[in-house]
Structure formats: structure tokens, C-alpha cells
């Protein structure tokens, strides 16, 4: 039934109901409820639909507000802060024709940029930051207007933003939202805060020939932490970007152009070869360390850990070693001993869900040269069983151990440090939407997981989307805090994979009904996929990590 338009509307926020004149801005309503929130309100949800605070309410509705402590709110803060930086840069540099700023990737709680046509000395960076703070003090509004897609492509062509021009040439939607901040205008993939006064917490830090825009993290949105100096992650992400650029696909627009030209087979095989060369580098390093007996592999969900482990085993065999795969999941405690979450559900992500003493006893005995029968876990019955011949490690034997806790020394406390080689893997997306809009790696992993869950577990997309926040919380607690201890960081993302995944995940997302709480998250992902031209999977090799998700692989997983 359609809602009736009136001169006044009823707005429900939590348990509170209030009346407002029709066409009242959400920002006005937010001001009345700000006292109930520990951090500044930056975004709203109206009857389940995300809305910017300049949006007006015209009908009775239920509203919830979001701060930078919420996922969408934090993304809105970071996206807006990025435009603030870009506007200050262009205004400080005088809109020079040769000026080009590129947002490469996130690094800790910051974004890493390089700039062409502007000298990023400490003085130059200080001038930009000063201008940003002046803009914040002035509370400049983020103005939004809608233009047709062809006009947007022409506009960014005039601005010498080739990535955006290419992107909009293949955009099926007829309209595009353009944001203005003073004289600076840009396209932003997502929502923005109402004005610059919301963006008081940031810092610019010179880093590796570029600059990091440091922002508060979601867990502590009122704290600006020091820049995380992670050389391994930085180099790994740069390698991925460099490979994509050398293949001629630095952003989605270039990938789409390659697909349109039907020039994709060599692109796929080149990407796979580059990933294999990185795997070769890893295997060489492991083989050179004579004391290593345990290769400990960890990474967040849908990184492709199982296929990666199998491919690493092959590389180690090629170097004369005798690798054996061990899944930490086989050391789960009995089902009735599994710890519980506060909501009463079993917490399979906790280290306490693993029989750590048994794992250490077995690994220590193997290191001592003893024969050990390793357990297997029956996930139906919820208990371990023992079957098969005992294992004994000889001079050439090495264990490839995979599990989410493998970088945590509490899992393998009894093993000598020199006997362990730690590998952190993740799907760190190399491509961005364009030079100013990044693709979160978590979204790429989520798309992988939706496809795999449907294929291997029969889950629909709504179920996977509903489980995802708990998965992410488990990663924050059990994986990310230990990533810096890795001896090697491996990127399992492939620059072409989003075009392949689209064919599989798009129908699953369309199945999410409007009444489902996950409907709007599904629509968000569908909107993103609309930027990508799909690509058939026939040319994806059977040993590709991508096969772990779409099927058709050569490994028994």
C-alpha cells in the first residue's frame, strides 16, 4: 500500500517517535538525536535504504543513523576525506593540466596516493593539509548533481581523468552523480558526508614517494593512530598494481575495454603466470631454509588458502622436498566443547575451538622423529577420528599447515621459531574503479564467498551476506592482528577475476527478495557489478585459485 503524502511526517528512530514537517532534511533530524550516539552521525538509513543527510523525508518512515563506527558510516567518512584531500590538492596546485592524483590502495587506516605534476615534499604536503583544515573550518557542503552518462564521460575527458572517461563509456545506467566541493568536481562511488566540518580527524604523512591520508579506524573512530609501516604489504600491493598496469588494465575501464576487444586469453594467462612466478619465489625461499619443517599459512576468508596450499606443495615437490598438507580444522575440539558467542551460537573462529594441546603434542612428536597418526574431523558427527597410516618426518619432509590461526604463536607454542615459516595470504584487489575510487578487497572476497557457498554448500546469497559480518569480526580478532609476523605476504587476487565472478554471482544476488534484510546489501553489490563487463570462464586454468570458487579445478578440495 502506498504511503500518503502529508504536511507532517512521523519519524521513528529506535524506540522514539517524533513528528517533523514534510521535506525535513535527515541532517536536521540527526541533530535532535545526536546526543544518543557516541560519535558524529554521518549517514542514515531510511526504511532500510542508505541516505545522505541532505536527503529529505516526505513520508512516515523508520530511520537509523550511522557514525564512523558503523561500516557504511566509516566508508562514507573515508570517501569524503579522500575528496577533501583531492580538492585541496587541486586547489593548491592550481588545477594544472599535468596534475594527476592516483589513489592506489589502503594501508592500515589510511589511503596511499601518488601525485604527478606536484612536488610531494614535506612542505608541499604541509600546504595541502593546511588547505584541507581551512576547508574543514569553513564547513563547505558536498554538493551533488545528476548528469547523463555521456555528459559525465565528456566532463571527465575535459578534466583529463581518462579512467573515469573510459568507465562511463560502458556504463548502462543513464545517470551519474557528480559531487562538487568548491570548484573541484569529481565522481565518488558511494555516499558522502553533508559538509567538510564532519571531517576533523585526518593527517597527511609522506610515504615512499607518495602520501598517506591517515584516517581513524572503525573500531576507534575518535583516535588517529600512527601510520602502519608495513613494508611487506606495501611491496606486495605495489607488485599487484604494477602487474595490472603492465597488462594494460590498471582500472575497471581498461579491463572493460580489453573485454570489448575480445583480447582476454593472453590477459588471463599472463595474470596466472605472474602469480605463479610469485609462488616460485616463495617456494625458493622456503627451500633455502634448512631448519623449516612447518609452513604455516593463514589469511582471511575466501583468500583461496586451500588451492594456494596445493599449488605450493607442487612447487616444493619440484625442489626435492616431500610436503604434506595438514588442515588445522582437523584439530577442532569435539562439538559439545566448542566455545559460545555472546548470542549463544558456537564460535568456530575462536582459537579455543581448536584442540591446541593435541596439535602441539603431535607436531612436537613429528619434529622429534616419532610416528604419529594425525586426526581427521567428522563435521557431521562433530568429533575427531583416526584413520590411516602414521606419519613420520624424514630429512626432506615438510608440513604445509593451513588454518586461520597459523600466524598466532599461541597455536604452535611448542615449536621452535626457526622451524616455522609463516605465510599470510589475502585477495588484495589490484584494480580500482578509477583513479580516485578504490575497490575494497573485502568486497572481492565476499563475491568469491557467495559463489563458493552456493556451489559447495547450497547457500543462497542472502545467507552468505547475513553471515559475512560475523566472518569479518572473526578476521579482525583472529587474523589481522598477526599479519605483520608473516615471513611472506602473497596476493591471491587476479586482476581479471571480477569479470569472471560477475557471471556467477549476479544471478545469485538478484535472487535476494526485497523483503529480505540483506536486500539492500545485495543491491549495493549489483550496482558495483554494473560497472563490469562479464567474461566467460573457459580460459581460466584448472589450477587457478579462482577455480576454488567457480569450480572446475584440478585439485581435490
Protein backbone atom coordinates (compact mmCIF):
# COMPACT_ATOMS: atom_id res chain seq x y z
CA UNK A 1 0.00 0.00 0.00
CA UNK A 2 1.37 3.43 -0.94
CA UNK A 3 2.10 5.88 1.84
CA UNK A 4 0.04 9.06 1.82
CA UNK A 5 1.85 12.37 1.40
CA UNK A 6 1.05 14.82 4.23
CA UNK A 7 2.31 18.16 5.54
CA UNK A 8 3.91 16.38 8.50
CA UNK A 9 5.58 13.01 8.81
CA UNK A 10 6.18 10.57 11.64
CA UNK A 11 9.80 9.53 12.04
CA UNK A 12 10.71 6.57 14.24
CA UNK A 13 14.29 6.32 15.49
CA UNK A 14 14.82 3.29 17.69
CA UNK A 15 12.02 3.38 20.25
CA UNK A 16 11.39 7.12 19.81
CA UNK A 17 8.75 8.59 17.51
CA UNK A 18 8.66 12.25 16.52
CA UNK A 19 6.73 14.46 14.10
CA UNK A 20 8.51 16.68 11.56
CA UNK A 21 7.36 18.91 8.73
CA UNK A 22 7.42 17.12 5.39
CA UNK A 23 10.70 17.61 3.47
CA UNK A 24 12.75 17.94 6.66
CA UNK A 25 16.39 17.05 5.98
CA UNK A 26 17.79 13.99 7.71
CA UNK A 27 20.60 16.18 8.99
CA UNK A 28 18.07 18.22 10.96
CA UNK A 29 16.57 15.08 12.48
CA UNK A 30 20.06 13.73 13.19
CA UNK A 31 20.84 16.85 15.25
CA UNK A 32 17.92 16.01 17.55
CA UNK A 33 19.24 12.50 18.16
CA UNK A 34 23.00 13.16 18.16
CA UNK A 35 23.11 13.02 21.98
CA UNK A 36 22.24 9.30 21.77
CA UNK A 37 25.32 8.47 19.69
CA UNK A 38 28.95 8.40 20.89
CA UNK A 39 30.31 9.70 17.57
CA UNK A 40 29.15 12.17 14.91
CA UNK A 41 26.28 10.99 12.74
CA UNK A 42 27.39 10.94 9.08
CA UNK A 43 24.80 8.78 7.29
CA UNK A 44 21.25 7.49 7.68
CA UNK A 45 19.14 4.52 6.71
CA UNK A 46 15.51 5.24 5.83
CA UNK A 47 13.32 2.12 5.81
CA UNK A 48 16.46 0.10 5.09
CA UNK A 49 17.77 2.33 2.30
CA UNK A 50 21.02 4.26 2.87
CA UNK A 51 20.59 8.01 2.51
CA UNK A 52 22.87 11.02 2.81
CA UNK A 53 21.96 13.56 5.48
CA UNK A 54 20.84 16.19 2.97
CA UNK A 55 18.05 13.81 1.89
CA UNK A 56 14.59 14.92 2.99
CA UNK A 57 11.81 12.76 4.40
CA UNK A 58 8.42 13.07 2.75
CA UNK A 59 6.56 10.11 4.24
CA UNK A 60 6.26 8.33 7.57
CA UNK A 61 9.39 6.22 7.98
CA UNK A 62 11.78 4.43 10.29
CA UNK A 63 15.25 5.96 10.43
CA UNK A 64 18.50 4.68 11.86
CA UNK A 65 21.63 6.79 11.97
CA UNK A 66 25.23 5.73 11.37
CA UNK A 67 28.54 7.02 12.65
CA UNK A 68 32.12 6.19 11.57
CA UNK A 69 31.90 3.24 14.00
CA UNK A 70 29.47 1.56 11.56
CA UNK A 71 30.66 0.00 8.30
CA UNK A 72 28.74 2.26 5.87
CA UNK A 73 29.40 5.29 8.07
CA UNK A 74 33.13 4.64 8.18
CA UNK A 75 33.26 4.16 4.41
CA UNK A 76 31.40 7.45 3.98
CA UNK A 77 33.88 9.26 6.23
CA UNK A 78 36.89 7.86 4.34
CA UNK A 79 35.39 8.54 0.91
CA UNK A 80 34.57 12.12 1.86
CA UNK A 81 38.00 12.65 3.39
CA UNK A 82 39.56 11.43 0.16
CA UNK A 83 37.62 14.01 -1.86
CA UNK A 84 38.64 16.67 0.64
CA UNK A 85 42.30 15.75 0.05
CA UNK A 86 41.89 15.74 -3.74
CA UNK A 87 40.07 19.09 -3.74
CA UNK A 88 42.76 20.66 -1.55
CA UNK A 89 45.49 19.19 -3.77
CA UNK A 90 43.99 20.51 -7.00
CA UNK A 91 43.28 23.92 -5.50
CA UNK A 92 46.77 24.17 -4.00
CA UNK A 93 48.39 23.12 -7.29
CA UNK A 94 46.22 25.46 -9.35
CA UNK A 95 44.36 22.83 -11.45
CA UNK A 96 47.40 22.24 -13.66
CA UNK A 97 46.74 20.19 -16.80
CA UNK A 98 49.55 17.76 -15.98
CA UNK A 99 48.27 17.16 -12.43
CA UNK A 100 47.16 13.61 -11.75
CA UNK A 101 46.49 12.08 -8.36
CA UNK A 102 46.07 8.32 -8.00
CA UNK A 103 44.55 6.52 -5.03
CA UNK A 104 46.33 3.17 -5.05
CA UNK A 105 45.19 1.15 -2.03
CA UNK A 106 44.52 1.24 1.68
CA UNK A 107 47.42 0.82 4.09
CA UNK A 108 46.28 0.25 7.65
CA UNK A 109 43.76 3.00 8.39
CA UNK A 110 44.99 5.21 5.56
CA UNK A 111 44.94 5.58 1.78
CA UNK A 112 48.16 5.70 -0.22
CA UNK A 113 48.33 8.18 -3.13
CA UNK A 114 50.91 9.20 -5.66
CA UNK A 115 50.72 12.52 -7.49
CA UNK A 116 52.06 13.52 -10.89
CA UNK A 117 52.60 17.21 -11.56
CA UNK A 118 53.05 18.28 -7.92
CA UNK A 119 56.13 18.03 -5.75
CA UNK A 120 55.23 15.98 -2.67
CA UNK A 121 57.92 17.42 -0.44
CA UNK A 122 57.19 17.83 3.25
CA UNK A 123 56.48 21.49 2.58
CA UNK A 124 54.19 20.68 -0.36
CA UNK A 125 52.27 18.13 1.70
CA UNK A 126 52.01 20.60 4.60
CA UNK A 127 50.41 23.18 2.27
CA UNK A 128 47.78 20.65 1.18
CA UNK A 129 46.99 19.67 4.77
CA UNK A 130 46.70 23.30 5.82
CA UNK A 131 44.26 23.93 2.98
CA UNK A 132 42.25 20.85 3.99
CA UNK A 133 41.91 22.22 7.53
CA UNK A 134 40.78 25.60 6.23
CA UNK A 135 38.10 23.82 4.18
CA UNK A 136 37.03 21.85 7.26
CA UNK A 137 36.69 25.02 9.32
CA UNK A 138 34.51 26.53 6.59
CA UNK A 139 32.08 23.55 6.68
CA UNK A 140 31.87 23.50 2.87
CA UNK A 141 28.94 21.42 1.59
CA UNK A 142 29.39 18.40 -0.67
CA UNK A 143 27.06 19.39 -3.49
CA UNK A 144 25.58 16.61 -5.63
CA UNK A 145 24.05 16.83 -9.09
CA UNK A 146 22.90 14.22 -11.55
CA UNK A 147 24.06 14.27 -15.19
CA UNK A 148 23.57 11.83 -18.03
CA UNK A 149 26.31 9.26 -18.53
CA UNK A 150 27.53 10.63 -21.87
CA UNK A 151 27.87 14.09 -20.35
CA UNK A 152 29.84 12.60 -17.44
CA UNK A 153 32.24 10.85 -19.82
CA UNK A 154 32.80 14.11 -21.73
CA UNK A 155 33.21 16.06 -18.48
CA UNK A 156 35.98 13.83 -17.19
CA UNK A 157 37.60 13.77 -20.60
CA UNK A 158 37.95 17.56 -20.27
CA UNK A 159 39.38 17.06 -16.77
CA UNK A 160 41.98 14.64 -18.21
CA UNK A 161 40.63 11.85 -15.99
CA UNK A 162 40.97 9.07 -18.57
CA UNK A 163 39.99 6.30 -16.14
CA UNK A 164 36.57 7.82 -15.48
CA UNK A 165 36.01 8.65 -19.14
CA UNK A 166 36.60 5.01 -20.07
CA UNK A 167 34.45 3.76 -17.19
CA UNK A 168 31.39 5.76 -18.21
CA UNK A 169 31.61 4.72 -21.85
CA UNK A 170 30.41 1.26 -20.84
CA UNK A 171 28.05 2.36 -18.05
CA UNK A 172 24.50 1.13 -18.74
CA UNK A 173 22.85 3.46 -16.23
CA UNK A 174 21.62 6.65 -17.86
CA UNK A 175 22.55 8.98 -14.98
CA UNK A 176 25.67 9.62 -12.90
CA UNK A 177 26.02 11.59 -9.64
CA UNK A 178 28.75 14.24 -9.67
CA UNK A 179 29.94 15.89 -6.45
CA UNK A 180 31.33 19.41 -6.11
CA UNK A 181 33.46 20.70 -3.28
CA UNK A 182 34.05 24.34 -4.00
CA UNK A 183 35.41 24.50 -7.57
CA UNK A 184 36.56 20.89 -7.53
CA UNK A 185 34.22 18.27 -9.02
CA UNK A 186 34.56 14.51 -9.11
CA UNK A 187 32.71 11.23 -9.24
CA UNK A 188 32.55 9.28 -5.97
CA UNK A 189 31.44 5.69 -5.82
CA UNK A 190 29.26 5.88 -2.73
CA UNK A 191 27.75 8.27 -0.22
CA UNK A 192 29.30 11.44 1.23
CA UNK A 193 29.04 13.38 4.47
CA UNK A 194 26.98 16.61 4.26
CA UNK A 195 29.88 19.04 4.71
CA UNK A 196 33.61 19.23 5.42
CA UNK A 197 33.03 20.11 9.07
CA UNK A 198 32.38 16.39 9.67
CA UNK A 199 35.98 15.57 8.72
CA UNK A 200 38.13 16.96 11.51
CA UNK A 201 40.27 13.90 12.13
CA UNK A 202 42.96 13.18 9.49
CA UNK A 203 46.67 13.56 8.84
CA UNK A 204 48.90 13.61 5.74
CA UNK A 205 52.11 11.60 6.02
CA UNK A 206 54.87 11.39 3.36
CA UNK A 207 55.44 7.76 2.40
CA UNK A 208 57.55 6.04 -0.26
CA UNK A 209 57.43 8.85 -2.81
CA UNK A 210 53.73 9.46 -2.23
CA UNK A 211 51.49 10.42 0.65
CA UNK A 212 49.23 8.57 3.08
CA UNK A 213 45.94 10.14 4.07
CA UNK A 214 45.67 8.78 7.60
CA UNK A 215 42.12 8.50 8.98
CA UNK A 216 40.55 7.00 12.11
CA UNK A 217 39.71 3.31 12.09
CA UNK A 218 36.23 1.96 12.53
CA UNK A 219 36.95 0.44 15.95
CA UNK A 220 38.17 3.76 17.38
CA UNK A 221 36.70 6.49 15.17
CA UNK A 222 37.84 9.23 17.56
CA UNK A 223 41.51 8.14 17.52
CA UNK A 224 44.09 8.83 14.82
CA UNK A 225 46.67 6.07 15.09
CA UNK A 226 50.24 6.29 13.74
CA UNK A 227 50.80 5.13 10.17
CA UNK A 228 51.25 1.37 9.99
CA UNK A 229 54.67 0.92 8.39
CA UNK A 230 54.15 -2.46 6.71
CA UNK A 231 56.84 -2.83 4.07
CA UNK A 232 55.76 -6.35 3.08
CA UNK A 233 52.14 -5.39 2.49
CA UNK A 234 53.14 -2.21 0.71
CA UNK A 235 55.51 -4.04 -1.65
CA UNK A 236 53.02 -6.85 -2.28
CA UNK A 237 50.27 -4.42 -3.23
CA UNK A 238 52.62 -2.39 -5.41
CA UNK A 239 53.65 -5.60 -7.21
CA UNK A 240 50.00 -6.39 -7.90
CA UNK A 241 49.29 -2.91 -9.23
CA UNK A 242 52.43 -2.91 -11.36
CA UNK A 243 51.46 -6.24 -12.90
CA UNK A 244 47.97 -4.97 -13.74
CA UNK A 245 49.40 -1.78 -15.26
CA UNK A 246 51.89 -3.73 -17.37
CA UNK A 247 48.99 -5.83 -18.63
CA UNK A 248 47.17 -2.62 -19.60
CA UNK A 249 44.32 -2.99 -17.07
CA UNK A 250 45.02 -0.58 -14.18
CA UNK A 251 41.30 0.18 -13.59
CA UNK A 252 37.88 -1.23 -14.46
CA UNK A 253 37.53 0.98 -17.53
CA UNK A 254 40.65 -0.52 -19.10
CA UNK A 255 39.54 -4.06 -18.17
CA UNK A 256 36.20 -3.43 -19.89
CA UNK A 257 37.97 -2.12 -22.98
CA UNK A 258 40.08 -5.28 -23.14
CA UNK A 259 36.98 -7.47 -22.87
CA UNK A 260 35.20 -5.45 -25.58
CA UNK A 261 38.14 -6.08 -27.92
CA UNK A 262 37.89 -9.81 -27.08
CA UNK A 263 41.55 -9.72 -26.18
CA UNK A 264 41.35 -11.69 -22.96
CA UNK A 265 43.02 -15.10 -23.28
CA UNK A 266 46.55 -13.71 -23.12
CA UNK A 267 45.44 -11.40 -20.29
CA UNK A 268 44.22 -14.34 -18.20
CA UNK A 269 47.27 -16.49 -18.88
CA UNK A 270 49.66 -13.61 -18.19
CA UNK A 271 47.98 -12.89 -14.85
CA UNK A 272 48.21 -16.56 -13.89
CA UNK A 273 51.86 -16.73 -14.95
CA UNK A 274 52.73 -13.69 -12.86
CA UNK A 275 51.05 -15.24 -9.84
CA UNK A 276 52.92 -18.49 -10.43
CA UNK A 277 56.22 -16.63 -10.57
CA UNK A 278 55.47 -15.15 -7.15
CA UNK A 279 54.70 -18.65 -5.89
CA UNK A 280 58.04 -19.81 -7.27
CA UNK A 281 59.77 -17.03 -5.34
CA UNK A 282 58.06 -18.20 -2.14
CA UNK A 283 58.97 -21.86 -2.69
CA UNK A 284 62.61 -20.94 -3.34
CA UNK A 285 62.77 -19.03 -0.07
CA UNK A 286 61.23 -21.90 1.92
CA UNK A 287 63.54 -24.48 0.33
CA UNK A 288 66.58 -22.36 1.18
CA UNK A 289 65.84 -22.56 4.91
CA UNK A 290 67.03 -25.96 6.08
CA UNK A 291 65.55 -25.70 9.59
CA UNK A 292 61.98 -25.10 8.36
CA UNK A 293 59.65 -28.05 8.93
CA UNK A 294 56.31 -26.24 9.25
CA UNK A 295 54.94 -23.83 6.64
CA UNK A 296 52.14 -22.02 8.49
CA UNK A 297 49.53 -20.48 6.15
CA UNK A 298 46.81 -18.07 7.30
CA UNK A 299 44.58 -15.47 5.73
CA UNK A 300 41.05 -14.09 5.78
CA UNK A 301 38.00 -15.85 4.37
CA UNK A 302 37.92 -16.60 0.64
CA UNK A 303 41.58 -15.88 0.08
CA UNK A 304 41.99 -19.24 -1.65
CA UNK A 305 44.08 -20.85 1.09
CA UNK A 306 43.31 -24.44 0.09
CA UNK A 307 44.21 -24.10 -3.59
CA UNK A 308 47.21 -21.98 -2.68
CA UNK A 309 48.43 -24.71 -0.33
CA UNK A 310 48.11 -27.36 -3.05
CA UNK A 311 50.00 -25.25 -5.57
CA UNK A 312 52.73 -24.54 -3.03
CA UNK A 313 53.04 -28.26 -2.34
CA UNK A 314 53.69 -28.86 -6.04
CA UNK A 315 56.36 -26.16 -6.10
CA UNK A 316 58.05 -27.63 -3.03
CA UNK A 317 57.99 -31.09 -4.58
CA UNK A 318 59.71 -29.64 -7.65
CA UNK A 319 62.54 -28.60 -5.33
CA UNK A 320 63.07 -32.11 -3.98
CA UNK A 321 61.07 -31.73 -0.77
CA UNK A 322 58.31 -34.05 0.45
CA UNK A 323 55.47 -31.77 1.59
CA UNK A 324 52.35 -32.99 3.44
CA UNK A 325 49.17 -30.97 3.87
CA UNK A 326 47.69 -30.54 7.36
CA UNK A 327 44.42 -28.69 7.93
CA UNK A 328 44.12 -27.17 11.39
CA UNK A 329 40.35 -27.71 11.14
CA UNK A 330 41.04 -31.41 11.76
CA UNK A 331 42.05 -30.39 15.29
CA UNK A 332 38.68 -28.90 16.23
CA UNK A 333 37.57 -29.79 19.75
CA UNK A 334 34.54 -32.06 19.99
CA UNK A 335 31.37 -30.23 19.02
CA UNK A 336 30.00 -30.06 22.56
CA UNK A 337 33.24 -28.42 23.74
CA UNK A 338 33.11 -25.60 21.18
CA UNK A 339 33.07 -22.16 22.87
CA UNK A 340 29.99 -19.98 22.51
CA UNK A 341 29.50 -16.44 21.28
CA UNK A 342 27.53 -13.97 23.46
CA UNK A 343 24.42 -14.76 21.36
CA UNK A 344 24.73 -18.47 22.21
CA UNK A 345 25.98 -19.59 18.78
CA UNK A 346 29.07 -21.78 18.56
CA UNK A 347 32.26 -19.80 17.92
CA UNK A 348 34.20 -21.88 15.41
CA UNK A 349 36.53 -18.93 14.72
CA UNK A 350 37.99 -18.87 18.24
CA UNK A 351 41.37 -20.41 18.99
CA UNK A 352 39.59 -22.18 21.86
CA UNK A 353 37.67 -24.13 19.21
CA UNK A 354 40.98 -25.86 18.39
CA UNK A 355 42.49 -28.64 20.49
CA UNK A 356 45.74 -26.70 20.83
CA UNK A 357 47.48 -29.07 23.29
CA UNK A 358 46.86 -32.04 20.97
CA UNK A 359 48.10 -30.10 17.95
CA UNK A 360 51.31 -29.15 19.75
CA UNK A 361 51.89 -32.67 21.05
CA UNK A 362 51.55 -34.14 17.57
CA UNK A 363 53.73 -31.51 15.89
CA UNK A 364 56.43 -31.83 18.56
CA UNK A 365 56.46 -35.61 18.24
CA UNK A 366 56.81 -35.32 14.47
CA UNK A 367 59.69 -32.88 14.91
CA UNK A 368 61.35 -35.40 17.22
CA UNK A 369 61.13 -38.05 14.50
CA UNK A 370 58.28 -40.04 16.04
CA UNK A 371 55.46 -41.66 14.05
CA UNK A 372 52.07 -40.03 14.59
CA UNK A 373 48.57 -40.79 13.33
CA UNK A 374 47.00 -37.38 12.64
CA UNK A 375 43.29 -36.86 13.28
CA UNK A 376 40.54 -36.17 10.79
CA UNK A 377 37.43 -34.27 11.81
CA UNK A 378 33.95 -35.53 11.03
CA UNK A 379 31.97 -32.31 10.54
CA UNK A 380 28.67 -34.21 10.53
CA UNK A 381 29.26 -36.02 13.83
CA UNK A 382 31.29 -33.15 15.28
CA UNK A 383 34.22 -35.22 16.50
CA UNK A 384 37.72 -36.36 15.57
CA UNK A 385 38.57 -39.82 14.31
CA UNK A 386 41.85 -41.54 13.48
CA UNK A 387 42.38 -43.46 10.27
CA UNK A 388 45.29 -44.27 8.00
CA UNK A 389 49.00 -44.87 8.32
CA UNK A 390 51.10 -42.93 10.82
CA UNK A 391 53.21 -40.03 9.57
CA UNK A 392 56.91 -39.70 10.22
CA UNK A 393 59.11 -36.83 9.10
CA UNK A 394 62.32 -37.57 7.29
CA UNK A 395 65.05 -35.12 6.25
CA UNK A 396 63.11 -33.97 3.17
CA UNK A 397 59.62 -33.99 4.71
CA UNK A 398 57.88 -30.71 5.45
CA UNK A 399 54.35 -29.92 6.65
CA UNK A 400 52.17 -27.34 4.90
CA UNK A 401 49.72 -26.32 7.63
CA UNK A 402 46.69 -24.20 6.80
CA UNK A 403 44.29 -22.52 9.24
CA UNK A 404 43.11 -19.11 10.34
CA UNK A 405 45.27 -19.15 13.50
CA UNK A 406 48.52 -20.27 11.87
CA UNK A 407 50.27 -16.91 12.39
CA UNK A 408 49.35 -16.86 16.06
CA UNK A 409 52.16 -18.38 18.14
CA UNK A 410 49.59 -19.46 20.71
CA UNK A 411 48.55 -22.17 18.24
CA UNK A 412 52.08 -23.58 17.85
CA UNK A 413 53.66 -22.51 21.14
CA UNK A 414 55.80 -25.65 21.50
CA UNK A 415 57.51 -25.41 18.11
CA UNK A 416 60.89 -23.69 17.77
CA UNK A 417 60.70 -20.38 15.93
CA UNK A 418 63.28 -21.43 13.34
CA UNK A 419 61.18 -24.48 12.41
CA UNK A 420 58.23 -22.31 11.28
CA UNK A 421 57.80 -20.29 8.09
CA UNK A 422 54.75 -18.02 8.20
CA UNK A 423 52.80 -17.14 5.05
CA UNK A 424 49.97 -14.60 5.05
CA UNK A 425 47.71 -14.71 2.01
CA UNK A 426 44.83 -12.46 1.02
CA UNK A 427 42.99 -11.36 -2.10
CA UNK A 428 44.27 -7.78 -2.31
CA UNK A 429 42.36 -6.30 -5.24
CA UNK A 430 44.74 -4.74 -7.77
CA UNK A 431 42.12 -2.87 -9.79
CA UNK A 432 40.24 0.21 -8.67
CA UNK A 433 37.04 1.63 -10.10
CA UNK A 434 39.05 4.60 -11.35
CA UNK A 435 41.98 6.72 -10.20
CA UNK A 436 40.05 8.12 -7.21
CA UNK A 437 37.70 5.28 -6.21
CA UNK A 438 39.06 2.08 -4.74
CA UNK A 439 37.54 -1.40 -4.67
CA UNK A 440 37.71 -2.76 -1.11
CA UNK A 441 39.45 -6.14 -1.04
CA UNK A 442 36.74 -7.35 1.35
CA UNK A 443 34.14 -6.90 -1.41
CA UNK A 444 36.16 -9.05 -3.78
CA UNK A 445 36.41 -11.77 -1.13
CA UNK A 446 32.69 -11.50 -0.40
CA UNK A 447 31.84 -12.08 -4.07
CA UNK A 448 34.12 -15.12 -4.10
CA UNK A 449 32.44 -16.49 -0.98
CA UNK A 450 28.90 -16.03 -2.29
CA UNK A 451 29.78 -18.07 -5.38
CA UNK A 452 31.58 -20.83 -3.46
CA UNK A 453 28.96 -21.07 -0.70
CA UNK A 454 26.25 -21.55 -3.28
CA UNK A 455 28.21 -24.14 -5.25
CA UNK A 456 29.58 -26.23 -2.36
CA UNK A 457 27.09 -25.68 0.48
CA UNK A 458 23.89 -24.77 -1.32
CA UNK A 459 23.68 -21.43 0.50
CA UNK A 460 21.77 -18.64 -1.18
CA UNK A 461 23.35 -15.18 -1.39
CA UNK A 462 21.20 -13.83 1.45
CA UNK A 463 22.56 -16.43 3.87
CA UNK A 464 26.17 -15.68 2.97
CA UNK A 465 25.55 -11.93 3.26
CA UNK A 466 23.95 -12.44 6.66
CA UNK A 467 26.94 -14.45 7.92
CA UNK A 468 29.56 -12.07 6.50
CA UNK A 469 29.65 -9.52 9.39
CA UNK A 470 30.47 -12.33 11.85
CA UNK A 471 33.15 -13.63 9.49
CA UNK A 472 34.69 -10.17 9.27
CA UNK A 473 34.58 -9.78 13.06
CA UNK A 474 36.43 -13.08 13.41
CA UNK A 475 39.09 -11.88 10.97
CA UNK A 476 39.56 -8.67 12.93
CA UNK A 477 40.12 -10.66 16.12
CA UNK A 478 41.96 -13.78 14.96
CA UNK A 479 43.83 -13.00 11.74
CA UNK A 480 44.64 -9.33 11.11
CA UNK A 481 46.44 -8.73 14.45
CA UNK A 482 49.07 -11.34 13.47
CA UNK A 483 49.60 -10.50 9.80
CA UNK A 484 52.72 -8.44 10.49
CA UNK A 485 54.53 -11.55 11.77
CA UNK A 486 54.46 -13.17 8.32
CA UNK A 487 57.70 -14.10 6.58
CA UNK A 488 55.97 -13.75 3.21
CA UNK A 489 52.81 -11.98 2.01
CA UNK A 490 51.09 -13.49 -1.02
CA UNK A 491 48.34 -11.83 -3.04
CA UNK A 492 45.83 -14.33 -4.44
CA UNK A 493 43.68 -11.76 -6.28
CA UNK A 494 43.72 -11.84 -10.07
CA UNK A 495 43.18 -8.57 -11.98
CA UNK A 496 40.62 -10.18 -14.32
CA UNK A 497 38.62 -12.13 -11.73
CA UNK A 498 35.76 -9.67 -11.12
CA UNK A 499 34.69 -10.04 -14.76
CA UNK A 500 34.57 -13.84 -14.30
CA UNK A 501 32.83 -13.76 -10.93
CA UNK A 502 30.12 -11.46 -12.28
CA UNK A 503 28.66 -14.26 -14.41
CA UNK A 504 28.23 -16.47 -11.34
CA UNK A 505 27.31 -14.03 -8.60
CA UNK A 506 24.95 -11.65 -10.37
CA UNK A 507 22.05 -14.15 -10.68
CA UNK A 508 22.50 -15.15 -7.03
CA UNK A 509 22.27 -11.54 -5.88
CA UNK A 510 19.15 -10.94 -7.97
CA UNK A 511 17.50 -13.81 -6.05
CA UNK A 512 17.55 -11.80 -2.79
CA UNK A 513 13.96 -10.67 -2.22
CA UNK A 514 13.06 -7.09 -1.33
CA UNK A 515 11.62 -8.23 1.99
CA UNK A 516 14.94 -9.82 3.00
CA UNK A 517 17.13 -7.78 5.40
CA UNK A 518 20.06 -8.43 3.04
CA UNK A 519 18.26 -6.94 0.03
CA UNK A 520 20.00 -3.57 0.09
CA UNK A 521 23.45 -5.10 0.55
CA UNK A 522 22.71 -7.31 -2.47
CA UNK A 523 21.65 -4.22 -4.44
CA UNK A 524 24.88 -2.45 -3.44
CA UNK A 525 26.93 -5.28 -4.90
CA UNK A 526 24.76 -5.42 -8.01
CA UNK A 527 25.32 -1.72 -8.56
CA UNK A 528 29.05 -2.29 -8.35
CA UNK A 529 28.91 -5.23 -10.78
CA UNK A 530 27.08 -3.00 -13.24
CA UNK A 531 30.42 -1.28 -13.88
CA UNK A 532 31.98 -4.52 -15.11
CA UNK A 533 31.55 -6.35 -18.41
CA UNK A 534 31.28 -10.07 -17.79
CA UNK A 535 33.81 -12.57 -19.10
CA UNK A 536 33.36 -16.34 -19.71
CA UNK A 537 35.48 -18.72 -17.64
CA UNK A 538 36.64 -21.16 -20.33
CA UNK A 539 40.17 -19.78 -20.40
CA UNK A 540 40.69 -19.86 -16.63
CA UNK A 541 43.31 -22.61 -16.00
CA UNK A 542 42.27 -25.68 -13.98
CA UNK A 543 44.87 -24.90 -11.29
CA UNK A 544 43.83 -21.26 -10.89
CA UNK A 545 42.97 -20.09 -7.40
CA UNK A 546 39.78 -18.72 -8.94
CA UNK A 547 38.68 -22.32 -9.62
CA UNK A 548 38.32 -22.86 -5.88
CA UNK A 549 35.29 -20.59 -6.09
CA UNK A 550 33.75 -21.09 -9.53
CA UNK A 551 34.52 -24.84 -9.77
CA UNK A 552 36.20 -26.89 -12.46
CA UNK A 553 39.57 -27.04 -10.71
CA UNK A 554 42.08 -29.87 -10.82
CA UNK A 555 42.59 -30.13 -7.06
CA UNK A 556 40.51 -32.26 -4.71
CA UNK A 557 39.32 -29.64 -2.23
